[in-house]
């Protein structure tokens, strides 16, 4: 899959937080699992019609952690959550 196709699939351009979008757009292979998780969270939020904000992404990732049983998958979700929280201002 080409880099342009992958980014279009995950809709990172729709993120209001351009720093977060750039981080994942430039992540490379070492964050491929996290890219998948964030892309899935973005799709879920957009499908429900909610505002695509870091807060909504955080809530979606917490929900994913609550329903995921596989430890390896939880680690990837948790790492994605930590990255998003790191890019999130305290006042939202």
PDB file of N, CA and C in Angstrom:
ATOM      1  N   UNK A   1       0.852  -1.166   0.000  1.00  0.00           N
ATOM      2  CA  UNK A   1       0.000   0.000   0.000  1.00  0.00           C
ATOM      3  C   UNK A   1       0.896   1.226   0.000  1.00  0.00           C
ATOM      4  N   UNK A   2       0.609   2.173  -0.850  1.00  0.00           N
ATOM      5  CA  UNK A   2       1.437   3.366  -0.924  1.00  0.00           C
ATOM      6  C   UNK A   2       1.179   4.279   0.263  1.00  0.00           C
ATOM      7  N   UNK A   3       2.139   5.138   0.538  1.00  0.00           N
ATOM      8  CA  UNK A   3       2.031   6.063   1.666  1.00  0.00           C
ATOM      9  C   UNK A   3       0.819   6.972   1.499  1.00  0.00           C
ATOM     10  N   UNK A   4       0.581   7.479   0.310  1.00  0.00           N
ATOM     11  CA  UNK A   4      -0.558   8.368   0.069  1.00  0.00           C
ATOM     12  C   UNK A   4      -1.878   7.642   0.280  1.00  0.00           C
ATOM     13  N   UNK A   5      -1.971   6.412  -0.163  1.00  0.00           N
ATOM     14  CA  UNK A   5      -3.193   5.636   0.017  1.00  0.00           C
ATOM     15  C   UNK A   5      -3.447   5.364   1.486  1.00  0.00           C
ATOM     16  N   UNK A   6      -2.401   5.002   2.211  1.00  0.00           N
ATOM     17  CA  UNK A   6      -2.555   4.714   3.627  1.00  0.00           C
ATOM     18  C   UNK A   6      -3.082   5.937   4.366  1.00  0.00           C
ATOM     19  N   UNK A   7      -2.530   7.109   4.117  1.00  0.00           N
ATOM     20  CA  UNK A   7      -2.948   8.313   4.820  1.00  0.00           C
ATOM     21  C   UNK A   7      -4.374   8.694   4.466  1.00  0.00           C
ATOM     22  N   UNK A   8      -4.763   8.527   3.232  1.00  0.00           N
ATOM     23  CA  UNK A   8      -6.120   8.838   2.827  1.00  0.00           C
ATOM     24  C   UNK A   8      -7.097   7.900   3.529  1.00  0.00           C
ATOM     25  N   UNK A   9      -6.738   6.658   3.669  1.00  0.00           N
ATOM     26  CA  UNK A   9      -7.581   5.679   4.332  1.00  0.00           C
ATOM     27  C   UNK A   9      -7.827   6.050   5.784  1.00  0.00           C
ATOM     28  N   UNK A  10      -6.831   6.591   6.463  1.00  0.00           N
ATOM     29  CA  UNK A  10      -6.952   6.880   7.884  1.00  0.00           C
ATOM     30  C   UNK A  10      -7.484   8.272   8.190  1.00  0.00           C
ATOM     31  N   UNK A  11      -7.671   9.128   7.198  1.00  0.00           N
ATOM     32  CA  UNK A  11      -8.256  10.454   7.388  1.00  0.00           C
ATOM     33  C   UNK A  11      -7.526  11.304   8.417  1.00  0.00           C
ATOM     34  N   UNK A  12      -6.211  11.184   8.528  1.00  0.00           N
ATOM     35  CA  UNK A  12      -5.478  12.006   9.482  1.00  0.00           C
ATOM     36  C   UNK A  12      -5.604  13.487   9.149  1.00  0.00           C
ATOM     37  N   UNK A  13      -5.849  13.801   7.883  1.00  0.00           N
ATOM     38  CA  UNK A  13      -6.016  15.189   7.479  1.00  0.00           C
ATOM     39  C   UNK A  13      -7.246  15.815   8.125  1.00  0.00           C
ATOM     40  N   UNK A  14      -8.197  15.000   8.570  1.00  0.00           N
ATOM     41  CA  UNK A  14      -9.417  15.504   9.211  1.00  0.00           C
ATOM     42  C   UNK A  14      -9.179  15.933  10.657  1.00  0.00           C
ATOM     43  N   UNK A  15      -8.038  15.566  11.223  1.00  0.00           N
ATOM     44  CA  UNK A  15      -7.741  15.933  12.610  1.00  0.00           C
ATOM     45  C   UNK A  15      -7.553  17.438  12.734  1.00  0.00           C
ATOM     46  N   UNK A  16      -8.131  18.019  13.768  1.00  0.00           N
ATOM     47  CA  UNK A  16      -7.948  19.444  14.038  1.00  0.00           C
ATOM     48  C   UNK A  16      -6.553  19.711  14.591  1.00  0.00           C
ATOM     49  N   UNK A  17      -5.989  18.751  15.293  1.00  0.00           N
ATOM     50  CA  UNK A  17      -4.653  18.870  15.872  1.00  0.00           C
ATOM     51  C   UNK A  17      -3.635  18.484  14.799  1.00  0.00           C
ATOM     52  N   UNK A  18      -3.103  19.491  14.129  1.00  0.00           N
ATOM     53  CA  UNK A  18      -2.193  19.236  13.009  1.00  0.00           C
ATOM     54  C   UNK A  18      -0.874  18.609  13.467  1.00  0.00           C
ATOM     55  N   UNK A  19      -0.450  18.902  14.695  1.00  0.00           N
ATOM     56  CA  UNK A  19       0.759  18.272  15.227  1.00  0.00           C
ATOM     57  C   UNK A  19       0.582  16.775  15.381  1.00  0.00           C
ATOM     58  N   UNK A  20      -0.570  16.377  15.897  1.00  0.00           N
ATOM     59  CA  UNK A  20      -0.887  14.953  16.042  1.00  0.00           C
ATOM     60  C   UNK A  20      -0.982  14.292  14.672  1.00  0.00           C
ATOM     61  N   UNK A  21      -1.634  14.967  13.741  1.00  0.00           N
ATOM     62  CA  UNK A  21      -1.758  14.425  12.382  1.00  0.00           C
ATOM     63  C   UNK A  21      -0.378  14.213  11.765  1.00  0.00           C
ATOM     64  N   UNK A  22       0.489  15.206  11.873  1.00  0.00           N
ATOM     65  CA  UNK A  22       1.836  15.096  11.310  1.00  0.00           C
ATOM     66  C   UNK A  22       2.630  13.972  11.970  1.00  0.00           C
ATOM     67  N   UNK A  23       2.463  13.819  13.280  1.00  0.00           N
ATOM     68  CA  UNK A  23       3.179  12.755  13.995  1.00  0.00           C
ATOM     69  C   UNK A  23       2.841  11.390  13.398  1.00  0.00           C
ATOM     70  N   UNK A  24       1.565  11.149  13.167  1.00  0.00           N
ATOM     71  CA  UNK A  24       1.158   9.852  12.633  1.00  0.00           C
ATOM     72  C   UNK A  24       1.399   9.748  11.131  1.00  0.00           C
ATOM     73  N   UNK A  25       1.306  10.858  10.413  1.00  0.00           N
ATOM     74  CA  UNK A  25       1.598  10.821   8.981  1.00  0.00           C
ATOM     75  C   UNK A  25       3.063  10.472   8.727  1.00  0.00           C
ATOM     76  N   UNK A  26       3.931  10.866   9.643  1.00  0.00           N
ATOM     77  CA  UNK A  26       5.370  10.635   9.486  1.00  0.00           C
ATOM     78  C   UNK A  26       5.890   9.504  10.368  1.00  0.00           C
ATOM     79  N   UNK A  27       5.003   8.709  10.944  1.00  0.00           N
ATOM     80  CA  UNK A  27       5.381   7.703  11.939  1.00  0.00           C
ATOM     81  C   UNK A  27       6.267   6.594  11.386  1.00  0.00           C
ATOM     82  N   UNK A  28       6.030   6.189  10.183  1.00  0.00           N
ATOM     83  CA  UNK A  28       6.807   5.084   9.645  1.00  0.00           C
ATOM     84  C   UNK A  28       6.352   3.747  10.205  1.00  0.00           C
ATOM     85  N   UNK A  29       7.155   2.726   9.955  1.00  0.00           N
ATOM     86  CA  UNK A  29       6.782   1.357  10.329  1.00  0.00           C
ATOM     87  C   UNK A  29       6.785   1.113  11.833  1.00  0.00           C
ATOM     88  N   UNK A  30       7.563   1.876  12.605  1.00  0.00           N
ATOM     89  CA  UNK A  30       7.669   1.590  14.041  1.00  0.00           C
ATOM     90  C   UNK A  30       6.378   1.882  14.800  1.00  0.00           C
ATOM     91  N   UNK A  31       5.458   2.624  14.206  1.00  0.00           N
ATOM     92  CA  UNK A  31       4.155   2.877  14.835  1.00  0.00           C
ATOM     93  C   UNK A  31       3.001   2.374  13.966  1.00  0.00           C
ATOM     94  N   UNK A  32       3.249   1.351  13.174  1.00  0.00           N
ATOM     95  CA  UNK A  32       2.206   0.887  12.249  1.00  0.00           C
ATOM     96  C   UNK A  32       0.951   0.414  12.980  1.00  0.00           C
ATOM     97  N   UNK A  33       1.109  -0.242  14.109  1.00  0.00           N
ATOM     98  CA  UNK A  33      -0.055  -0.675  14.888  1.00  0.00           C
ATOM     99  C   UNK A  33      -0.834   0.507  15.430  1.00  0.00           C
ATOM    100  N   UNK A  34      -0.106   1.512  15.915  1.00  0.00           N
ATOM    101  CA  UNK A  34      -0.740   2.705  16.450  1.00  0.00           C
ATOM    102  C   UNK A  34      -1.462   3.483  15.355  1.00  0.00           C
ATOM    103  N   UNK A  35      -0.877   3.499  14.154  1.00  0.00           N
ATOM    104  CA  UNK A  35      -1.526   4.144  13.009  1.00  0.00           C
ATOM    105  C   UNK A  35      -2.863   3.464  12.727  1.00  0.00           C
ATOM    106  N   UNK A  36      -2.879   2.142  12.762  1.00  0.00           N
ATOM    107  CA  UNK A  36      -4.120   1.378  12.553  1.00  0.00           C
ATOM    108  C   UNK A  36      -5.160   1.723  13.615  1.00  0.00           C
ATOM    109  N   UNK A  37      -4.724   1.769  14.868  1.00  0.00           N
ATOM    110  CA  UNK A  37      -5.640   2.043  15.980  1.00  0.00           C
ATOM    111  C   UNK A  37      -6.217   3.447  15.861  1.00  0.00           C
ATOM    112  N   UNK A  38      -5.370   4.438  15.608  1.00  0.00           N
ATOM    113  CA  UNK A  38      -5.865   5.807  15.479  1.00  0.00           C
ATOM    114  C   UNK A  38      -6.795   5.934  14.279  1.00  0.00           C
ATOM    115  N   UNK A  39      -6.436   5.298  13.176  1.00  0.00           N
ATOM    116  CA  UNK A  39      -7.305   5.328  11.996  1.00  0.00           C
ATOM    117  C   UNK A  39      -8.672   4.744  12.281  1.00  0.00           C
ATOM    118  N   UNK A  40      -8.699   3.662  13.015  1.00  0.00           N
ATOM    119  CA  UNK A  40      -9.966   3.035  13.390  1.00  0.00           C
ATOM    120  C   UNK A  40     -10.782   3.955  14.296  1.00  0.00           C
ATOM    121  N   UNK A  41     -10.119   4.591  15.259  1.00  0.00           N
ATOM    122  CA  UNK A  41     -10.812   5.521  16.160  1.00  0.00           C
ATOM    123  C   UNK A  41     -11.397   6.691  15.374  1.00  0.00           C
ATOM    124  N   UNK A  42     -10.636   7.221  14.432  1.00  0.00           N
ATOM    125  CA  UNK A  42     -11.116   8.335  13.611  1.00  0.00           C
ATOM    126  C   UNK A  42     -12.343   7.911  12.813  1.00  0.00           C
ATOM    127  N   UNK A  43     -12.283   6.737  12.195  1.00  0.00           N
ATOM    128  CA  UNK A  43     -13.435   6.243  11.419  1.00  0.00           C
ATOM    129  C   UNK A  43     -14.673   6.107  12.293  1.00  0.00           C
ATOM    130  N   UNK A  44     -14.521   5.532  13.480  1.00  0.00           N
ATOM    131  CA  UNK A  44     -15.664   5.352  14.391  1.00  0.00           C
ATOM    132  C   UNK A  44     -16.276   6.691  14.770  1.00  0.00           C
ATOM    133  N   UNK A  45     -15.441   7.654  15.092  1.00  0.00           N
ATOM    134  CA  UNK A  45     -15.935   8.976  15.488  1.00  0.00           C
ATOM    135  C   UNK A  45     -16.650   9.647  14.323  1.00  0.00           C
ATOM    136  N   UNK A  46     -16.070   9.573  13.142  1.00  0.00           N
ATOM    137  CA  UNK A  46     -16.681  10.205  11.973  1.00  0.00           C
ATOM    138  C   UNK A  46     -18.002   9.531  11.609  1.00  0.00           C
ATOM    139  N   UNK A  47     -18.072   8.223  11.748  1.00  0.00           N
ATOM    140  CA  UNK A  47     -19.310   7.505  11.427  1.00  0.00           C
ATOM    141  C   UNK A  47     -20.447   7.845  12.381  1.00  0.00           C
ATOM    142  N   UNK A  48     -20.111   8.147  13.631  1.00  0.00           N
ATOM    143  CA  UNK A  48     -21.153   8.504  14.594  1.00  0.00           C
ATOM    144  C   UNK A  48     -21.543   9.970  14.488  1.00  0.00           C
ATOM    145  N   UNK A  49     -20.784  10.747  13.737  1.00  0.00           N
ATOM    146  CA  UNK A  49     -21.104  12.156  13.552  1.00  0.00           C
ATOM    147  C   UNK A  49     -20.609  13.052  14.668  1.00  0.00           C
ATOM    148  N   UNK A  50     -19.816  12.509  15.584  1.00  0.00           N
ATOM    149  CA  UNK A  50     -19.271  13.324  16.670  1.00  0.00           C
ATOM    150  C   UNK A  50     -18.156  14.221  16.145  1.00  0.00           C
ATOM    151  N   UNK A  51     -17.846  15.263  16.919  1.00  0.00           N
ATOM    152  CA  UNK A  51     -16.762  16.175  16.591  1.00  0.00           C
ATOM    153  C   UNK A  51     -15.435  15.426  16.701  1.00  0.00           C
ATOM    154  N   UNK A  52     -14.602  15.528  15.692  1.00  0.00           N
ATOM    155  CA  UNK A  52     -13.313  14.828  15.691  1.00  0.00           C
ATOM    156  C   UNK A  52     -12.293  15.656  16.466  1.00  0.00           C
ATOM    157  N   UNK A  53     -12.285  15.482  17.764  1.00  0.00           N
ATOM    158  CA  UNK A  53     -11.374  16.212  18.646  1.00  0.00           C
ATOM    159  C   UNK A  53     -10.487  15.213  19.384  1.00  0.00           C
ATOM    160  N   UNK A  54      -9.426  15.728  19.982  1.00  0.00           N
ATOM    161  CA  UNK A  54      -8.568  14.851  20.778  1.00  0.00           C
ATOM    162  C   UNK A  54      -9.358  14.217  21.911  1.00  0.00           C
ATOM    163  N   UNK A  55     -10.282  14.970  22.504  1.00  0.00           N
ATOM    164  CA  UNK A  55     -11.099  14.430  23.591  1.00  0.00           C
ATOM    165  C   UNK A  55     -11.902  13.222  23.114  1.00  0.00           C
ATOM    166  N   UNK A  56     -12.536  13.327  21.950  1.00  0.00           N
ATOM    167  CA  UNK A  56     -13.314  12.205  21.414  1.00  0.00           C
ATOM    168  C   UNK A  56     -12.413  11.020  21.075  1.00  0.00           C
ATOM    169  N   UNK A  57     -11.223  11.307  20.557  1.00  0.00           N
ATOM    170  CA  UNK A  57     -10.275  10.228  20.254  1.00  0.00           C
ATOM    171  C   UNK A  57      -9.865   9.526  21.545  1.00  0.00           C
ATOM    172  N   UNK A  58      -9.578  10.302  22.582  1.00  0.00           N
ATOM    173  CA  UNK A  58      -9.196   9.723  23.874  1.00  0.00           C
ATOM    174  C   UNK A  58     -10.316   8.840  24.408  1.00  0.00           C
ATOM    175  N   UNK A  59     -11.545   9.328  24.358  1.00  0.00           N
ATOM    176  CA  UNK A  59     -12.683   8.535  24.831  1.00  0.00           C
ATOM    177  C   UNK A  59     -12.841   7.251  24.023  1.00  0.00           C
ATOM    178  N   UNK A  60     -12.657   7.340  22.711  1.00  0.00           N
ATOM    179  CA  UNK A  60     -12.763   6.166  21.844  1.00  0.00           C
ATOM    180  C   UNK A  60     -11.676   5.149  22.180  1.00  0.00           C
ATOM    181  N   UNK A  61     -10.461   5.627  22.428  1.00  0.00           N
ATOM    182  CA  UNK A  61      -9.357   4.725  22.760  1.00  0.00           C
ATOM    183  C   UNK A  61      -9.548   4.082  24.132  1.00  0.00           C
ATOM    184  N   UNK A  62     -10.074   4.836  25.089  1.00  0.00           N
ATOM    185  CA  UNK A  62     -10.372   4.256  26.407  1.00  0.00           C
ATOM    186  C   UNK A  62     -11.420   3.160  26.262  1.00  0.00           C
ATOM    187  N   UNK A  63     -12.445   3.424  25.464  1.00  0.00           N
ATOM    188  CA  UNK A  63     -13.472   2.401  25.219  1.00  0.00           C
ATOM    189  C   UNK A  63     -12.841   1.157  24.582  1.00  0.00           C
ATOM    190  N   UNK A  64     -11.954   1.366  23.614  1.00  0.00           N
ATOM    191  CA  UNK A  64     -11.283   0.233  22.969  1.00  0.00           C
ATOM    192  C   UNK A  64     -10.478  -0.574  23.984  1.00  0.00           C
ATOM    193  N   UNK A  65      -9.812   0.108  24.911  1.00  0.00           N
ATOM    194  CA  UNK A  65      -9.066  -0.600  25.961  1.00  0.00           C
ATOM    195  C   UNK A  65      -9.991  -1.428  26.838  1.00  0.00           C
ATOM    196  N   UNK A  66     -11.156  -0.886  27.135  1.00  0.00           N
ATOM    197  CA  UNK A  66     -12.103  -1.581  28.007  1.00  0.00           C
ATOM    198  C   UNK A  66     -12.647  -2.865  27.389  1.00  0.00           C
ATOM    199  N   UNK A  67     -12.768  -2.901  26.066  1.00  0.00           N
ATOM    200  CA  UNK A  67     -13.383  -4.067  25.425  1.00  0.00           C
ATOM    201  C   UNK A  67     -12.375  -5.022  24.789  1.00  0.00           C
ATOM    202  N   UNK A  68     -11.098  -4.663  24.807  1.00  0.00           N
ATOM    203  CA  UNK A  68     -10.066  -5.492  24.187  1.00  0.00           C
ATOM    204  C   UNK A  68      -9.472  -6.438  25.221  1.00  0.00           C
ATOM    205  N   UNK A  69      -9.387  -7.707  24.859  1.00  0.00           N
ATOM    206  CA  UNK A  69      -8.884  -8.726  25.785  1.00  0.00           C
ATOM    207  C   UNK A  69      -7.427  -9.103  25.541  1.00  0.00           C
ATOM    208  N   UNK A  70      -6.942  -8.990  24.305  1.00  0.00           N
ATOM    209  CA  UNK A  70      -5.583  -9.418  23.987  1.00  0.00           C
ATOM    210  C   UNK A  70      -4.565  -8.422  24.540  1.00  0.00           C
ATOM    211  N   UNK A  71      -3.606  -8.905  25.342  1.00  0.00           N
ATOM    212  CA  UNK A  71      -2.608  -8.014  25.945  1.00  0.00           C
ATOM    213  C   UNK A  71      -1.790  -7.221  24.922  1.00  0.00           C
ATOM    214  N   UNK A  72      -1.421  -7.855  23.810  1.00  0.00           N
ATOM    215  CA  UNK A  72      -0.622  -7.158  22.800  1.00  0.00           C
ATOM    216  C   UNK A  72      -1.415  -6.025  22.170  1.00  0.00           C
ATOM    217  N   UNK A  73      -2.687  -6.267  21.891  1.00  0.00           N
ATOM    218  CA  UNK A  73      -3.542  -5.229  21.315  1.00  0.00           C
ATOM    219  C   UNK A  73      -3.738  -4.093  22.312  1.00  0.00           C
ATOM    220  N   UNK A  74      -3.890  -4.440  23.582  1.00  0.00           N
ATOM    221  CA  UNK A  74      -4.030  -3.414  24.627  1.00  0.00           C
ATOM    222  C   UNK A  74      -2.787  -2.533  24.700  1.00  0.00           C
ATOM    223  N   UNK A  75      -1.614  -3.127  24.535  1.00  0.00           N
ATOM    224  CA  UNK A  75      -0.372  -2.354  24.554  1.00  0.00           C
ATOM    225  C   UNK A  75      -0.340  -1.331  23.427  1.00  0.00           C
ATOM    226  N   UNK A  76      -0.774  -1.725  22.240  1.00  0.00           N
ATOM    227  CA  UNK A  76      -0.788  -0.815  21.090  1.00  0.00           C
ATOM    228  C   UNK A  76      -1.811   0.300  21.317  1.00  0.00           C
ATOM    229  N   UNK A  77      -2.988  -0.057  21.799  1.00  0.00           N
ATOM    230  CA  UNK A  77      -4.018   0.951  22.083  1.00  0.00           C
ATOM    231  C   UNK A  77      -3.513   1.914  23.149  1.00  0.00           C
ATOM    232  N   UNK A  78      -2.906   1.386  24.202  1.00  0.00           N
ATOM    233  CA  UNK A  78      -2.384   2.216  25.294  1.00  0.00           C
ATOM    234  C   UNK A  78      -1.306   3.168  24.783  1.00  0.00           C
ATOM    235  N   UNK A  79      -0.426   2.688  23.933  1.00  0.00           N
ATOM    236  CA  UNK A  79       0.614   3.551  23.374  1.00  0.00           C
ATOM    237  C   UNK A  79      -0.003   4.648  22.514  1.00  0.00           C
ATOM    238  N   UNK A  80      -1.010   4.298  21.724  1.00  0.00           N
ATOM    239  CA  UNK A  80      -1.709   5.294  20.911  1.00  0.00           C
ATOM    240  C   UNK A  80      -2.346   6.342  21.814  1.00  0.00           C
ATOM    241  N   UNK A  81      -2.985   5.891  22.876  1.00  0.00           N
ATOM    242  CA  UNK A  81      -3.615   6.796  23.837  1.00  0.00           C
ATOM    243  C   UNK A  81      -2.580   7.738  24.456  1.00  0.00           C
ATOM    244  N   UNK A  82      -1.434   7.210  24.835  1.00  0.00           N
ATOM    245  CA  UNK A  82      -0.376   8.041  25.419  1.00  0.00           C
ATOM    246  C   UNK A  82       0.102   9.105  24.439  1.00  0.00           C
ATOM    247  N   UNK A  83       0.215   8.751  23.173  1.00  0.00           N
ATOM    248  CA  UNK A  83       0.640   9.719  22.156  1.00  0.00           C
ATOM    249  C   UNK A  83      -0.403  10.822  22.020  1.00  0.00           C
ATOM    250  N   UNK A  84      -1.676  10.444  21.917  1.00  0.00           N
ATOM    251  CA  UNK A  84      -2.745  11.438  21.763  1.00  0.00           C
ATOM    252  C   UNK A  84      -2.795  12.351  22.985  1.00  0.00           C
ATOM    253  N   UNK A  85      -2.711  11.779  24.179  1.00  0.00           N
ATOM    254  CA  UNK A  85      -2.725  12.588  25.405  1.00  0.00           C
ATOM    255  C   UNK A  85      -1.536  13.549  25.415  1.00  0.00           C
ATOM    256  N   UNK A  86      -0.393  13.101  24.944  1.00  0.00           N
ATOM    257  CA  UNK A  86       0.792  13.951  24.889  1.00  0.00           C
ATOM    258  C   UNK A  86       0.629  15.153  23.979  1.00  0.00           C
ATOM    259  N   UNK A  87      -0.219  15.042  22.977  1.00  0.00           N
ATOM    260  CA  UNK A  87      -0.476  16.146  22.057  1.00  0.00           C
ATOM    261  C   UNK A  87      -1.668  16.999  22.487  1.00  0.00           C
ATOM    262  N   UNK A  88      -2.339  16.619  23.560  1.00  0.00           N
ATOM    263  CA  UNK A  88      -3.572  17.285  23.967  1.00  0.00           C
ATOM    264  C   UNK A  88      -3.286  18.355  25.007  1.00  0.00           C
ATOM    265  N   UNK A  89      -3.820  19.548  24.736  1.00  0.00           N
ATOM    266  CA  UNK A  89      -3.693  20.645  25.702  1.00  0.00           C
ATOM    267  C   UNK A  89      -4.519  20.324  26.935  1.00  0.00           C
ATOM    268  N   UNK A  90      -4.122  20.876  28.060  1.00  0.00           N
ATOM    269  CA  UNK A  90      -4.801  20.616  29.329  1.00  0.00           C
ATOM    270  C   UNK A  90      -6.182  21.236  29.427  1.00  0.00           C
ATOM    271  N   UNK A  91      -6.491  22.220  28.599  1.00  0.00           N
ATOM    272  CA  UNK A  91      -7.729  22.981  28.767  1.00  0.00           C
ATOM    273  C   UNK A  91      -8.908  22.497  27.942  1.00  0.00           C
ATOM    274  N   UNK A  92      -8.830  21.291  27.377  1.00  0.00           N
ATOM    275  CA  UNK A  92      -9.989  20.841  26.597  1.00  0.00           C
ATOM    276  C   UNK A  92     -10.769  19.771  27.299  1.00  0.00           C
TER     277      UNK A  92
END
